[in-house]
Amino acid sequence: LSLYSDPFSTGIGFTITLTGVPAYYLFI
């Protein structure tokens, strides 16, 4: 519902969250 109602803000949040994936593989 958040993605549907405010795709811009939640999209930014989702993008920032996805940056954790390469960081996890790189540092851990």
mmCIF file of all heavy atoms, coordinates in Angstrom:
data_MODEL
# 
_entry.id   MODEL 
# 
loop_
_atom_site.group_PDB 
_atom_site.id 
_atom_site.type_symbol 
_atom_site.label_atom_id 
_atom_site.label_alt_id 
_atom_site.label_comp_id 
_atom_site.label_asym_id 
_atom_site.label_entity_id 
_atom_site.label_seq_id 
_atom_site.pdbx_PDB_ins_code 
_atom_site.Cartn_x 
_atom_site.Cartn_y 
_atom_site.Cartn_z 
_atom_site.occupancy 
_atom_site.B_iso_or_equiv 
_atom_site.pdbx_formal_charge 
_atom_site.auth_seq_id 
_atom_site.auth_comp_id 
_atom_site.auth_asym_id 
_atom_site.auth_atom_id 
_atom_site.pdbx_PDB_model_num 
ATOM 1   N N   . LEU A 1 1  ? 0.829  -1.212  0.000  1.00 0.00 ? 1  LEU A N   1 
ATOM 2   C CA  . LEU A 1 1  ? 0.000  0.000   0.000  1.00 0.00 ? 1  LEU A CA  1 
ATOM 3   C C   . LEU A 1 1  ? 0.862  1.260   0.000  1.00 0.00 ? 1  LEU A C   1 
ATOM 4   O O   . LEU A 1 1  ? 0.530  2.251   -0.657 1.00 0.00 ? 1  LEU A O   1 
ATOM 5   C CB  . LEU A 1 1  ? -0.928 0.013   1.218  1.00 0.00 ? 1  LEU A CB  1 
ATOM 6   C CG  . LEU A 1 1  ? -2.192 -0.834  1.136  1.00 0.00 ? 1  LEU A CG  1 
ATOM 7   C CD1 . LEU A 1 1  ? -3.006 -0.699  2.419  1.00 0.00 ? 1  LEU A CD1 1 
ATOM 8   C CD2 . LEU A 1 1  ? -3.053 -0.433  -0.056 1.00 0.00 ? 1  LEU A CD2 1 
ATOM 9   N N   . SER A 1 2  ? 1.976  1.230   0.750  1.00 0.00 ? 2  SER A N   1 
ATOM 10  C CA  . SER A 1 2  ? 2.891  2.377   0.775  1.00 0.00 ? 2  SER A CA  1 
ATOM 11  C C   . SER A 1 2  ? 3.475  2.622   -0.612 1.00 0.00 ? 2  SER A C   1 
ATOM 12  O O   . SER A 1 2  ? 3.567  3.768   -1.067 1.00 0.00 ? 2  SER A O   1 
ATOM 13  C CB  . SER A 1 2  ? 4.018  2.143   1.780  1.00 0.00 ? 2  SER A CB  1 
ATOM 14  O OG  . SER A 1 2  ? 3.516  2.051   3.084  1.00 0.00 ? 2  SER A OG  1 
ATOM 15  N N   . LEU A 1 3  ? 3.872  1.550   -1.278 1.00 0.00 ? 3  LEU A N   1 
ATOM 16  C CA  . LEU A 1 3  ? 4.410  1.677   -2.636 1.00 0.00 ? 3  LEU A CA  1 
ATOM 17  C C   . LEU A 1 3  ? 3.374  2.256   -3.582 1.00 0.00 ? 3  LEU A C   1 
ATOM 18  O O   . LEU A 1 3  ? 3.684  3.066   -4.462 1.00 0.00 ? 3  LEU A O   1 
ATOM 19  C CB  . LEU A 1 3  ? 4.880  0.310   -3.142 1.00 0.00 ? 3  LEU A CB  1 
ATOM 20  C CG  . LEU A 1 3  ? 6.242  -0.174  -2.653 1.00 0.00 ? 3  LEU A CG  1 
ATOM 21  C CD1 . LEU A 1 3  ? 6.450  -1.633  -3.009 1.00 0.00 ? 3  LEU A CD1 1 
ATOM 22  C CD2 . LEU A 1 3  ? 7.358  0.675   -3.242 1.00 0.00 ? 3  LEU A CD2 1 
ATOM 23  N N   . TYR A 1 4  ? 2.110  1.863   -3.398 1.00 0.00 ? 4  TYR A N   1 
ATOM 24  C CA  . TYR A 1 4  ? 1.031  2.332   -4.274 1.00 0.00 ? 4  TYR A CA  1 
ATOM 25  C C   . TYR A 1 4  ? 0.687  3.795   -3.997 1.00 0.00 ? 4  TYR A C   1 
ATOM 26  O O   . TYR A 1 4  ? 0.505  4.591   -4.911 1.00 0.00 ? 4  TYR A O   1 
ATOM 27  C CB  . TYR A 1 4  ? -0.206 1.453   -4.075 1.00 0.00 ? 4  TYR A CB  1 
ATOM 28  C CG  . TYR A 1 4  ? -1.415 1.917   -4.854 1.00 0.00 ? 4  TYR A CG  1 
ATOM 29  C CD1 . TYR A 1 4  ? -1.506 1.688   -6.231 1.00 0.00 ? 4  TYR A CD1 1 
ATOM 30  C CD2 . TYR A 1 4  ? -2.452 2.597   -4.213 1.00 0.00 ? 4  TYR A CD2 1 
ATOM 31  C CE1 . TYR A 1 4  ? -2.604 2.128   -6.947 1.00 0.00 ? 4  TYR A CE1 1 
ATOM 32  C CE2 . TYR A 1 4  ? -3.557 3.032   -4.917 1.00 0.00 ? 4  TYR A CE2 1 
ATOM 33  C CZ  . TYR A 1 4  ? -3.631 2.796   -6.288 1.00 0.00 ? 4  TYR A CZ  1 
ATOM 34  O OH  . TYR A 1 4  ? -4.719 3.230   -6.984 1.00 0.00 ? 4  TYR A OH  1 
ATOM 35  N N   . SER A 1 5  ? 0.613  4.177   -2.700 1.00 0.00 ? 5  SER A N   1 
ATOM 36  C CA  . SER A 1 5  ? 0.148  5.517   -2.336 1.00 0.00 ? 5  SER A CA  1 
ATOM 37  C C   . SER A 1 5  ? 1.228  6.588   -2.518 1.00 0.00 ? 5  SER A C   1 
ATOM 38  O O   . SER A 1 5  ? 0.928  7.725   -2.854 1.00 0.00 ? 5  SER A O   1 
ATOM 39  C CB  . SER A 1 5  ? -0.349 5.533   -0.887 1.00 0.00 ? 5  SER A CB  1 
ATOM 40  O OG  . SER A 1 5  ? 0.719  5.247   0.000  1.00 0.00 ? 5  SER A OG  1 
ATOM 41  N N   . ASP A 1 6  ? 2.487  6.249   -2.268 1.00 0.00 ? 6  ASP A N   1 
ATOM 42  C CA  . ASP A 1 6  ? 3.578  7.228   -2.400 1.00 0.00 ? 6  ASP A CA  1 
ATOM 43  C C   . ASP A 1 6  ? 4.803  6.534   -2.994 1.00 0.00 ? 6  ASP A C   1 
ATOM 44  O O   . ASP A 1 6  ? 5.779  6.259   -2.294 1.00 0.00 ? 6  ASP A O   1 
ATOM 45  C CB  . ASP A 1 6  ? 3.903  7.840   -1.031 1.00 0.00 ? 6  ASP A CB  1 
ATOM 46  C CG  . ASP A 1 6  ? 4.858  9.020   -1.132 1.00 0.00 ? 6  ASP A CG  1 
ATOM 47  O OD1 . ASP A 1 6  ? 5.256  9.371   -2.258 1.00 0.00 ? 6  ASP A OD1 1 
ATOM 48  O OD2 . ASP A 1 6  ? 5.211  9.599   -0.082 1.00 0.00 ? 6  ASP A OD2 1 
ATOM 49  N N   . PRO A 1 7  ? 4.757  6.243   -4.298 1.00 0.00 ? 7  PRO A N   1 
ATOM 50  C CA  . PRO A 1 7  ? 5.851  5.466   -4.909 1.00 0.00 ? 7  PRO A CA  1 
ATOM 51  C C   . PRO A 1 7  ? 7.196  6.174   -4.875 1.00 0.00 ? 7  PRO A C   1 
ATOM 52  O O   . PRO A 1 7  ? 8.232  5.522   -4.812 1.00 0.00 ? 7  PRO A O   1 
ATOM 53  C CB  . PRO A 1 7  ? 5.374  5.247   -6.360 1.00 0.00 ? 7  PRO A CB  1 
ATOM 54  C CG  . PRO A 1 7  ? 4.332  6.280   -6.588 1.00 0.00 ? 7  PRO A CG  1 
ATOM 55  C CD  . PRO A 1 7  ? 3.697  6.556   -5.263 1.00 0.00 ? 7  PRO A CD  1 
ATOM 56  N N   . PHE A 1 8  ? 7.197  7.524   -4.873 1.00 0.00 ? 8  PHE A N   1 
ATOM 57  C CA  . PHE A 1 8  ? 8.470  8.248   -4.903 1.00 0.00 ? 8  PHE A CA  1 
ATOM 58  C C   . PHE A 1 8  ? 9.236  8.074   -3.588 1.00 0.00 ? 8  PHE A C   1 
ATOM 59  O O   . PHE A 1 8  ? 10.392 7.644   -3.572 1.00 0.00 ? 8  PHE A O   1 
ATOM 60  C CB  . PHE A 1 8  ? 8.233  9.739   -5.174 1.00 0.00 ? 8  PHE A CB  1 
ATOM 61  C CG  . PHE A 1 8  ? 9.497  10.538  -5.219 1.00 0.00 ? 8  PHE A CG  1 
ATOM 62  C CD1 . PHE A 1 8  ? 10.352 10.460  -6.312 1.00 0.00 ? 8  PHE A CD1 1 
ATOM 63  C CD2 . PHE A 1 8  ? 9.847  11.372  -4.163 1.00 0.00 ? 8  PHE A CD2 1 
ATOM 64  C CE1 . PHE A 1 8  ? 11.529 11.196  -6.351 1.00 0.00 ? 8  PHE A CE1 1 
ATOM 65  C CE2 . PHE A 1 8  ? 11.021 12.107  -4.192 1.00 0.00 ? 8  PHE A CE2 1 
ATOM 66  C CZ  . PHE A 1 8  ? 11.869 12.023  -5.288 1.00 0.00 ? 8  PHE A CZ  1 
ATOM 67  N N   . SER A 1 9  ? 8.570  8.390   -2.452 1.00 0.00 ? 9  SER A N   1 
ATOM 68  C CA  . SER A 1 9  ? 9.241  8.294   -1.147 1.00 0.00 ? 9  SER A CA  1 
ATOM 69  C C   . SER A 1 9  ? 9.612  6.859   -0.816 1.00 0.00 ? 9  SER A C   1 
ATOM 70  O O   . SER A 1 9  ? 10.730 6.580   -0.360 1.00 0.00 ? 9  SER A O   1 
ATOM 71  C CB  . SER A 1 9  ? 8.335  8.856   -0.046 1.00 0.00 ? 9  SER A CB  1 
ATOM 72  O OG  . SER A 1 9  ? 8.102  10.225  -0.251 1.00 0.00 ? 9  SER A OG  1 
ATOM 73  N N   . THR A 1 10 ? 8.661  5.938   -1.031 1.00 0.00 ? 10 THR A N   1 
ATOM 74  C CA  . THR A 1 10 ? 8.950  4.535   -0.731 1.00 0.00 ? 10 THR A CA  1 
ATOM 75  C C   . THR A 1 10 ? 9.983  3.959   -1.695 1.00 0.00 ? 10 THR A C   1 
ATOM 76  O O   . THR A 1 10 ? 10.764 3.092   -1.320 1.00 0.00 ? 10 THR A O   1 
ATOM 77  C CB  . THR A 1 10 ? 7.668  3.687   -0.776 1.00 0.00 ? 10 THR A CB  1 
ATOM 78  O OG1 . THR A 1 10 ? 6.966  3.947   -2.001 1.00 0.00 ? 10 THR A OG1 1 
ATOM 79  C CG2 . THR A 1 10 ? 6.745  4.015   0.376  1.00 0.00 ? 10 THR A CG2 1 
ATOM 80  N N   . GLY A 1 11 ? 9.992  4.479   -2.928 1.00 0.00 ? 11 GLY A N   1 
ATOM 81  C CA  . GLY A 1 11 ? 11.013 4.039   -3.888 1.00 0.00 ? 11 GLY A CA  1 
ATOM 82  C C   . GLY A 1 11 ? 12.401 4.436   -3.443 1.00 0.00 ? 11 GLY A C   1 
ATOM 83  O O   . GLY A 1 11 ? 13.361 3.653   -3.563 1.00 0.00 ? 11 GLY A O   1 
ATOM 84  N N   . ILE A 1 12 ? 12.534 5.667   -2.916 1.00 0.00 ? 12 ILE A N   1 
ATOM 85  C CA  . ILE A 1 12 ? 13.823 6.113   -2.370 1.00 0.00 ? 12 ILE A CA  1 
ATOM 86  C C   . ILE A 1 12 ? 14.230 5.219   -1.197 1.00 0.00 ? 12 ILE A C   1 
ATOM 87  O O   . ILE A 1 12 ? 15.379 4.775   -1.086 1.00 0.00 ? 12 ILE A O   1 
ATOM 88  C CB  . ILE A 1 12 ? 13.742 7.588   -1.920 1.00 0.00 ? 12 ILE A CB  1 
ATOM 89  C CG1 . ILE A 1 12 ? 13.604 8.501   -3.131 1.00 0.00 ? 12 ILE A CG1 1 
ATOM 90  C CG2 . ILE A 1 12 ? 14.986 7.969   -1.108 1.00 0.00 ? 12 ILE A CG2 1 
ATOM 91  C CD1 . ILE A 1 12 ? 13.363 9.954   -2.787 1.00 0.00 ? 12 ILE A CD1 1 
ATOM 92  N N   . GLY A 1 13 ? 13.249 4.937   -0.300 1.00 0.00 ? 13 GLY A N   1 
ATOM 93  C CA  . GLY A 1 13 ? 13.523 4.058   0.839  1.00 0.00 ? 13 GLY A CA  1 
ATOM 94  C C   . GLY A 1 13 ? 13.955 2.677   0.395  1.00 0.00 ? 13 GLY A C   1 
ATOM 95  O O   . GLY A 1 13 ? 14.886 2.085   0.950  1.00 0.00 ? 13 GLY A O   1 
ATOM 96  N N   . PHE A 1 14 ? 13.294 2.153   -0.635 1.00 0.00 ? 14 PHE A N   1 
ATOM 97  C CA  . PHE A 1 14 ? 13.624 0.830   -1.145 1.00 0.00 ? 14 PHE A CA  1 
ATOM 98  C C   . PHE A 1 14 ? 15.022 0.819   -1.763 1.00 0.00 ? 14 PHE A C   1 
ATOM 99  O O   . PHE A 1 14 ? 15.792 -0.130  -1.579 1.00 0.00 ? 14 PHE A O   1 
ATOM 100 C CB  . PHE A 1 14 ? 12.574 0.398   -2.164 1.00 0.00 ? 14 PHE A CB  1 
ATOM 101 C CG  . PHE A 1 14 ? 12.679 -1.040  -2.572 1.00 0.00 ? 14 PHE A CG  1 
ATOM 102 C CD1 . PHE A 1 14 ? 12.544 -2.055  -1.635 1.00 0.00 ? 14 PHE A CD1 1 
ATOM 103 C CD2 . PHE A 1 14 ? 12.911 -1.387  -3.888 1.00 0.00 ? 14 PHE A CD2 1 
ATOM 104 C CE1 . PHE A 1 14 ? 12.636 -3.386  -2.001 1.00 0.00 ? 14 PHE A CE1 1 
ATOM 105 C CE2 . PHE A 1 14 ? 13.005 -2.712  -4.262 1.00 0.00 ? 14 PHE A CE2 1 
ATOM 106 C CZ  . PHE A 1 14 ? 12.873 -3.716  -3.318 1.00 0.00 ? 14 PHE A CZ  1 
ATOM 107 N N   . THR A 1 15 ? 15.358 1.891   -2.480 1.00 0.00 ? 15 THR A N   1 
ATOM 108 C CA  . THR A 1 15 ? 16.680 1.987   -3.108 1.00 0.00 ? 15 THR A CA  1 
ATOM 109 C C   . THR A 1 15 ? 17.783 2.045   -2.048 1.00 0.00 ? 15 THR A C   1 
ATOM 110 O O   . THR A 1 15 ? 18.807 1.357   -2.158 1.00 0.00 ? 15 THR A O   1 
ATOM 111 C CB  . THR A 1 15 ? 16.755 3.239   -3.997 1.00 0.00 ? 15 THR A CB  1 
ATOM 112 O OG1 . THR A 1 15 ? 15.706 3.194   -4.965 1.00 0.00 ? 15 THR A OG1 1 
ATOM 113 C CG2 . THR A 1 15 ? 18.086 3.324   -4.710 1.00 0.00 ? 15 THR A CG2 1 
ATOM 114 N N   . ILE A 1 16 ? 17.558 2.867   -1.013 1.00 0.00 ? 16 ILE A N   1 
ATOM 115 C CA  . ILE A 1 16 ? 18.541 2.955   0.075  1.00 0.00 ? 16 ILE A CA  1 
ATOM 116 C C   . ILE A 1 16 ? 18.689 1.599   0.766  1.00 0.00 ? 16 ILE A C   1 
ATOM 117 O O   . ILE A 1 16 ? 19.796 1.179   1.113  1.00 0.00 ? 16 ILE A O   1 
ATOM 118 C CB  . ILE A 1 16 ? 18.130 4.047   1.081  1.00 0.00 ? 16 ILE A CB  1 
ATOM 119 C CG1 . ILE A 1 16 ? 18.229 5.425   0.429  1.00 0.00 ? 16 ILE A CG1 1 
ATOM 120 C CG2 . ILE A 1 16 ? 19.010 3.999   2.332  1.00 0.00 ? 16 ILE A CG2 1 
ATOM 121 C CD1 . ILE A 1 16 ? 17.679 6.557   1.261  1.00 0.00 ? 16 ILE A CD1 1 
ATOM 122 N N   . THR A 1 17 ? 17.562 0.900   0.954  1.00 0.00 ? 17 THR A N   1 
ATOM 123 C CA  . THR A 1 17 ? 17.604 -0.422  1.579  1.00 0.00 ? 17 THR A CA  1 
ATOM 124 C C   . THR A 1 17 ? 18.419 -1.399  0.740  1.00 0.00 ? 17 THR A C   1 
ATOM 125 O O   . THR A 1 17 ? 19.205 -2.188  1.273  1.00 0.00 ? 17 THR A O   1 
ATOM 126 C CB  . THR A 1 17 ? 16.171 -0.960  1.766  1.00 0.00 ? 17 THR A CB  1 
ATOM 127 O OG1 . THR A 1 17 ? 15.425 -0.029  2.551  1.00 0.00 ? 17 THR A OG1 1 
ATOM 128 C CG2 . THR A 1 17 ? 16.173 -2.311  2.466  1.00 0.00 ? 17 THR A CG2 1 
ATOM 129 N N   . LEU A 1 18 ? 18.249 -1.336  -0.586 1.00 0.00 ? 18 LEU A N   1 
ATOM 130 C CA  . LEU A 1 18 ? 18.969 -2.250  -1.480 1.00 0.00 ? 18 LEU A CA  1 
ATOM 131 C C   . LEU A 1 18 ? 20.480 -2.021  -1.458 1.00 0.00 ? 18 LEU A C   1 
ATOM 132 O O   . LEU A 1 18 ? 21.252 -2.937  -1.750 1.00 0.00 ? 18 LEU A O   1 
ATOM 133 C CB  . LEU A 1 18 ? 18.454 -2.114  -2.914 1.00 0.00 ? 18 LEU A CB  1 
ATOM 134 C CG  . LEU A 1 18 ? 17.081 -2.735  -3.195 1.00 0.00 ? 18 LEU A CG  1 
ATOM 135 C CD1 . LEU A 1 18 ? 16.675 -2.472  -4.640 1.00 0.00 ? 18 LEU A CD1 1 
ATOM 136 C CD2 . LEU A 1 18 ? 17.079 -4.237  -2.924 1.00 0.00 ? 18 LEU A CD2 1 
ATOM 137 N N   . THR A 1 19 ? 20.918 -0.804  -1.101 1.00 0.00 ? 19 THR A N   1 
ATOM 138 C CA  . THR A 1 19 ? 22.371 -0.558  -1.029 1.00 0.00 ? 19 THR A CA  1 
ATOM 139 C C   . THR A 1 19 ? 23.014 -1.404  0.065  1.00 0.00 ? 19 THR A C   1 
ATOM 140 O O   . THR A 1 19 ? 24.235 -1.598  0.058  1.00 0.00 ? 19 THR A O   1 
ATOM 141 C CB  . THR A 1 19 ? 22.674 0.929   -0.758 1.00 0.00 ? 19 THR A CB  1 
ATOM 142 O OG1 . THR A 1 19 ? 22.097 1.306   0.508  1.00 0.00 ? 19 THR A OG1 1 
ATOM 143 C CG2 . THR A 1 19 ? 22.129 1.814   -1.857 1.00 0.00 ? 19 THR A CG2 1 
ATOM 144 N N   . GLY A 1 20 ? 22.208 -1.900  0.999  1.00 0.00 ? 20 GLY A N   1 
ATOM 145 C CA  . GLY A 1 20 ? 22.742 -2.763  2.048  1.00 0.00 ? 20 GLY A CA  1 
ATOM 146 C C   . GLY A 1 20 ? 23.212 -4.107  1.523  1.00 0.00 ? 20 GLY A C   1 
ATOM 147 O O   . GLY A 1 20 ? 24.064 -4.757  2.146  1.00 0.00 ? 20 GLY A O   1 
ATOM 148 N N   . VAL A 1 21 ? 22.674 -4.543  0.368  1.00 0.00 ? 21 VAL A N   1 
ATOM 149 C CA  . VAL A 1 21 ? 23.046 -5.863  -0.175 1.00 0.00 ? 21 VAL A CA  1 
ATOM 150 C C   . VAL A 1 21 ? 24.508 -5.880  -0.623 1.00 0.00 ? 21 VAL A C   1 
ATOM 151 O O   . VAL A 1 21 ? 25.285 -6.720  -0.160 1.00 0.00 ? 21 VAL A O   1 
ATOM 152 C CB  . VAL A 1 21 ? 22.089 -6.270  -1.322 1.00 0.00 ? 21 VAL A CB  1 
ATOM 153 C CG1 . VAL A 1 21 ? 22.529 -7.587  -1.940 1.00 0.00 ? 21 VAL A CG1 1 
ATOM 154 C CG2 . VAL A 1 21 ? 20.661 -6.372  -0.805 1.00 0.00 ? 21 VAL A CG2 1 
ATOM 155 N N   . PRO A 1 22 ? 24.945 -4.972  -1.521 1.00 0.00 ? 22 PRO A N   1 
ATOM 156 C CA  . PRO A 1 22 ? 26.386 -4.979  -1.872 1.00 0.00 ? 22 PRO A CA  1 
ATOM 157 C C   . PRO A 1 22 ? 27.275 -4.654  -0.675 1.00 0.00 ? 22 PRO A C   1 
ATOM 158 O O   . PRO A 1 22 ? 28.379 -5.209  -0.567 1.00 0.00 ? 22 PRO A O   1 
ATOM 159 C CB  . PRO A 1 22 ? 26.504 -3.905  -2.962 1.00 0.00 ? 22 PRO A CB  1 
ATOM 160 C CG  . PRO A 1 22 ? 25.282 -3.070  -2.837 1.00 0.00 ? 22 PRO A CG  1 
ATOM 161 C CD  . PRO A 1 22 ? 24.210 -3.962  -2.312 1.00 0.00 ? 22 PRO A CD  1 
ATOM 162 N N   . ALA A 1 23 ? 26.812 -3.780  0.223  1.00 0.00 ? 23 ALA A N   1 
ATOM 163 C CA  . ALA A 1 23 ? 27.621 -3.453  1.409  1.00 0.00 ? 23 ALA A CA  1 
ATOM 164 C C   . ALA A 1 23 ? 27.824 -4.697  2.270  1.00 0.00 ? 23 ALA A C   1 
ATOM 165 O O   . ALA A 1 23 ? 28.917 -4.927  2.802  1.00 0.00 ? 23 ALA A O   1 
ATOM 166 C CB  . ALA A 1 23 ? 26.932 -2.350  2.219  1.00 0.00 ? 23 ALA A CB  1 
ATOM 167 N N   . TYR A 1 24 ? 26.781 -5.520  2.407  1.00 0.00 ? 24 TYR A N   1 
ATOM 168 C CA  . TYR A 1 24 ? 26.880 -6.741  3.221  1.00 0.00 ? 24 TYR A CA  1 
ATOM 169 C C   . TYR A 1 24 ? 27.897 -7.710  2.601  1.00 0.00 ? 24 TYR A C   1 
ATOM 170 O O   . TYR A 1 24 ? 28.730 -8.274  3.307  1.00 0.00 ? 24 TYR A O   1 
ATOM 171 C CB  . TYR A 1 24 ? 25.505 -7.396  3.325  1.00 0.00 ? 24 TYR A CB  1 
ATOM 172 C CG  . TYR A 1 24 ? 25.496 -8.661  4.145  1.00 0.00 ? 24 TYR A CG  1 
ATOM 173 C CD1 . TYR A 1 24 ? 25.593 -8.624  5.532  1.00 0.00 ? 24 TYR A CD1 1 
ATOM 174 C CD2 . TYR A 1 24 ? 25.411 -9.911  3.527  1.00 0.00 ? 24 TYR A CD2 1 
ATOM 175 C CE1 . TYR A 1 24 ? 25.595 -9.784  6.286  1.00 0.00 ? 24 TYR A CE1 1 
ATOM 176 C CE2 . TYR A 1 24 ? 25.414 -11.080 4.274  1.00 0.00 ? 24 TYR A CE2 1 
ATOM 177 C CZ  . TYR A 1 24 ? 25.494 -11.002 5.648  1.00 0.00 ? 24 TYR A CZ  1 
ATOM 178 O OH  . TYR A 1 24 ? 25.505 -12.157 6.389  1.00 0.00 ? 24 TYR A OH  1 
ATOM 179 N N   . TYR A 1 25 ? 27.825 -7.886  1.285  1.00 0.00 ? 25 TYR A N   1 
ATOM 180 C CA  . TYR A 1 25 ? 28.770 -8.809  0.631  1.00 0.00 ? 25 TYR A CA  1 
ATOM 181 C C   . TYR A 1 25 ? 30.193 -8.258  0.650  1.00 0.00 ? 25 TYR A C   1 
ATOM 182 O O   . TYR A 1 25 ? 31.155 -9.017  0.798  1.00 0.00 ? 25 TYR A O   1 
ATOM 183 C CB  . TYR A 1 25 ? 28.322 -9.084  -0.803 1.00 0.00 ? 25 TYR A CB  1 
ATOM 184 C CG  . TYR A 1 25 ? 27.251 -10.144 -0.884 1.00 0.00 ? 25 TYR A CG  1 
ATOM 185 C CD1 . TYR A 1 25 ? 25.911 -9.805  -0.870 1.00 0.00 ? 25 TYR A CD1 1 
ATOM 186 C CD2 . TYR A 1 25 ? 27.587 -11.501 -0.942 1.00 0.00 ? 25 TYR A CD2 1 
ATOM 187 C CE1 . TYR A 1 25 ? 24.926 -10.772 -0.917 1.00 0.00 ? 25 TYR A CE1 1 
ATOM 188 C CE2 . TYR A 1 25 ? 26.621 -12.481 -0.990 1.00 0.00 ? 25 TYR A CE2 1 
ATOM 189 C CZ  . TYR A 1 25 ? 25.285 -12.108 -0.973 1.00 0.00 ? 25 TYR A CZ  1 
ATOM 190 O OH  . TYR A 1 25 ? 24.314 -13.078 -1.014 1.00 0.00 ? 25 TYR A OH  1 
ATOM 191 N N   . LEU A 1 26 ? 30.324 -6.940  0.539  1.00 0.00 ? 26 LEU A N   1 
ATOM 192 C CA  . LEU A 1 26 ? 31.648 -6.331  0.499  1.00 0.00 ? 26 LEU A CA  1 
ATOM 193 C C   . LEU A 1 26 ? 32.336 -6.361  1.857  1.00 0.00 ? 26 LEU A C   1 
ATOM 194 O O   . LEU A 1 26 ? 33.512 -6.707  1.975  1.00 0.00 ? 26 LEU A O   1 
ATOM 195 C CB  . LEU A 1 26 ? 31.529 -4.882  0.002  1.00 0.00 ? 26 LEU A CB  1 
ATOM 196 C CG  . LEU A 1 26 ? 32.827 -4.103  -0.175 1.00 0.00 ? 26 LEU A CG  1 
ATOM 197 C CD1 . LEU A 1 26 ? 33.692 -4.742  -1.262 1.00 0.00 ? 26 LEU A CD1 1 
ATOM 198 C CD2 . LEU A 1 26 ? 32.527 -2.650  -0.539 1.00 0.00 ? 26 LEU A CD2 1 
ATOM 199 N N   . PHE A 1 27 ? 31.596 -6.036  2.917  1.00 0.00 ? 27 PHE A N   1 
ATOM 200 C CA  . PHE A 1 27 ? 32.209 -5.879  4.240  1.00 0.00 ? 27 PHE A CA  1 
ATOM 201 C C   . PHE A 1 27 ? 32.084 -7.124  5.123  1.00 0.00 ? 27 PHE A C   1 
ATOM 202 O O   . PHE A 1 27 ? 32.866 -7.292  6.049  1.00 0.00 ? 27 PHE A O   1 
ATOM 203 C CB  . PHE A 1 27 ? 31.596 -4.683  4.971  1.00 0.00 ? 27 PHE A CB  1 
ATOM 204 C CG  . PHE A 1 27 ? 31.919 -3.370  4.331  1.00 0.00 ? 27 PHE A CG  1 
ATOM 205 C CD1 . PHE A 1 27 ? 30.959 -2.698  3.593  1.00 0.00 ? 27 PHE A CD1 1 
ATOM 206 C CD2 . PHE A 1 27 ? 33.179 -2.815  4.443  1.00 0.00 ? 27 PHE A CD2 1 
ATOM 207 C CE1 . PHE A 1 27 ? 31.253 -1.489  2.993  1.00 0.00 ? 27 PHE A CE1 1 
ATOM 208 C CE2 . PHE A 1 27 ? 33.483 -1.603  3.844  1.00 0.00 ? 27 PHE A CE2 1 
ATOM 209 C CZ  . PHE A 1 27 ? 32.521 -0.937  3.103  1.00 0.00 ? 27 PHE A CZ  1 
ATOM 210 N N   . ILE A 1 28 ? 31.108 -8.000  4.857  1.00 0.00 ? 28 ILE A N   1 
ATOM 211 C CA  . ILE A 1 28 ? 30.868 -9.141  5.743  1.00 0.00 ? 28 ILE A CA  1 
ATOM 212 C C   . ILE A 1 28 ? 31.212 -10.473 5.078  1.00 0.00 ? 28 ILE A C   1 
ATOM 213 O O   . ILE A 1 28 ? 31.990 -11.266 5.598  1.00 0.00 ? 28 ILE A O   1 
ATOM 214 C CB  . ILE A 1 28 ? 29.396 -9.151  6.218  1.00 0.00 ? 28 ILE A CB  1 
ATOM 215 C CG1 . ILE A 1 28 ? 28.997 -7.794  6.810  1.00 0.00 ? 28 ILE A CG1 1 
ATOM 216 C CG2 . ILE A 1 28 ? 29.168 -10.275 7.222  1.00 0.00 ? 28 ILE A CG2 1 
ATOM 217 C CD1 . ILE A 1 28 ? 29.849 -7.339  7.967  1.00 0.00 ? 28 ILE A CD1 1 
# 
